């Protein structure tokens, strides 16, 4: 599912970023440009980021 329509960022993109070590919205935004345009995706992006980090920590 798309999280950021403006930049075409999906949930899968966020999960991949977390697997590469991203652990904050600020860093995610630097890498993917998420929430840098209109900002409407910020809340959902935070939720997906938290879910991805929780999922990633279970795999270690």
C-alpha atoms as a PDB file:
ATOM      1  CA  UNK A   1       0.000   0.000   0.000  1.00  0.00           C
ATOM      2  CA  UNK A   2       1.179   3.512  -0.733  1.00  0.00           C
ATOM      3  CA  UNK A   3       2.104   5.578   2.307  1.00  0.00           C
ATOM      4  CA  UNK A   4       3.269   8.707   0.468  1.00  0.00           C
ATOM      5  CA  UNK A   5       1.485   9.371  -2.805  1.00  0.00           C
ATOM      6  CA  UNK A   6       3.558  12.488  -3.554  1.00  0.00           C
ATOM      7  CA  UNK A   7       6.799  10.486  -3.649  1.00  0.00           C
ATOM      8  CA  UNK A   8       5.471   7.005  -4.439  1.00  0.00           C
ATOM      9  CA  UNK A   9       6.682   5.465  -1.147  1.00  0.00           C
ATOM     10  CA  UNK A  10       5.085   2.178  -0.122  1.00  0.00           C
ATOM     11  CA  UNK A  11       4.964   0.218   3.112  1.00  0.00           C
ATOM     12  CA  UNK A  12       7.437  -2.194   1.521  1.00  0.00           C
ATOM     13  CA  UNK A  13       9.880   0.683   0.949  1.00  0.00           C
ATOM     14  CA  UNK A  14       9.687   1.592   4.645  1.00  0.00           C
ATOM     15  CA  UNK A  15      10.262  -2.016   5.726  1.00  0.00           C
ATOM     16  CA  UNK A  16      13.306  -2.194   3.447  1.00  0.00           C
ATOM     17  CA  UNK A  17      14.657   1.062   4.898  1.00  0.00           C
ATOM     18  CA  UNK A  18      14.312  -0.322   8.433  1.00  0.00           C
ATOM     19  CA  UNK A  19      16.196  -3.457   7.388  1.00  0.00           C
ATOM     20  CA  UNK A  20      18.998  -1.127   6.238  1.00  0.00           C
ATOM     21  CA  UNK A  21      19.128   0.522   9.669  1.00  0.00           C
ATOM     22  CA  UNK A  22      16.711   3.450   9.431  1.00  0.00           C
ATOM     23  CA  UNK A  23      15.012   3.996  12.792  1.00  0.00           C
ATOM     24  CA  UNK A  24      13.522   7.495  12.763  1.00  0.00           C
ATOM     25  CA  UNK A  25      11.125   9.456  10.589  1.00  0.00           C
ATOM     26  CA  UNK A  26      13.811  12.088  10.104  1.00  0.00           C
ATOM     27  CA  UNK A  27      16.261   9.560   8.637  1.00  0.00           C
ATOM     28  CA  UNK A  28      13.499   7.862   6.642  1.00  0.00           C
ATOM     29  CA  UNK A  29      12.616  11.240   5.174  1.00  0.00           C
ATOM     30  CA  UNK A  30      16.253  11.869   4.215  1.00  0.00           C
ATOM     31  CA  UNK A  31      16.471   8.539   2.418  1.00  0.00           C
ATOM     32  CA  UNK A  32      13.031   8.351   0.793  1.00  0.00           C
ATOM     33  CA  UNK A  33      11.744  11.956   0.771  1.00  0.00           C
ATOM     34  CA  UNK A  34       8.638  10.749   2.634  1.00  0.00           C
ATOM     35  CA  UNK A  35       6.577  13.533   4.243  1.00  0.00           C
ATOM     36  CA  UNK A  36       8.728  16.210   2.597  1.00  0.00           C
ATOM     37  CA  UNK A  37       6.069  17.498   0.208  1.00  0.00           C
ATOM     38  CA  UNK A  38       2.564  17.975   1.621  1.00  0.00           C
ATOM     39  CA  UNK A  39       3.028  16.122   4.930  1.00  0.00           C
ATOM     40  CA  UNK A  40      -0.326  14.311   4.790  1.00  0.00           C
ATOM     41  CA  UNK A  41       1.435  10.949   5.093  1.00  0.00           C
ATOM     42  CA  UNK A  42       3.415  11.753   8.245  1.00  0.00           C
ATOM     43  CA  UNK A  43       1.132  10.034  10.785  1.00  0.00           C
ATOM     44  CA  UNK A  44       0.713   6.906   8.679  1.00  0.00           C
ATOM     45  CA  UNK A  45       4.443   6.843   7.896  1.00  0.00           C
ATOM     46  CA  UNK A  46       5.223   6.932  11.636  1.00  0.00           C
ATOM     47  CA  UNK A  47       2.840   4.051  12.256  1.00  0.00           C
ATOM     48  CA  UNK A  48       4.328   1.927   9.477  1.00  0.00           C
ATOM     49  CA  UNK A  49       7.854   2.806  10.616  1.00  0.00           C
ATOM     50  CA  UNK A  50       7.058   1.634  14.164  1.00  0.00           C
ATOM     51  CA  UNK A  51       5.505  -1.583  12.858  1.00  0.00           C
ATOM     52  CA  UNK A  52       8.517  -2.210  10.637  1.00  0.00           C
ATOM     53  CA  UNK A  53      10.956  -1.648  13.501  1.00  0.00           C
ATOM     54  CA  UNK A  54       8.974  -4.009  15.759  1.00  0.00           C
ATOM     55  CA  UNK A  55       8.896  -6.627  13.025  1.00  0.00           C
ATOM     56  CA  UNK A  56      12.613  -6.211  12.326  1.00  0.00           C
ATOM     57  CA  UNK A  57      13.559  -6.605  16.000  1.00  0.00           C
ATOM     58  CA  UNK A  58      11.634  -9.893  16.149  1.00  0.00           C
ATOM     59  CA  UNK A  59      13.720 -11.280  13.264  1.00  0.00           C
ATOM     60  CA  UNK A  60      17.048 -10.679  15.014  1.00  0.00           C
END
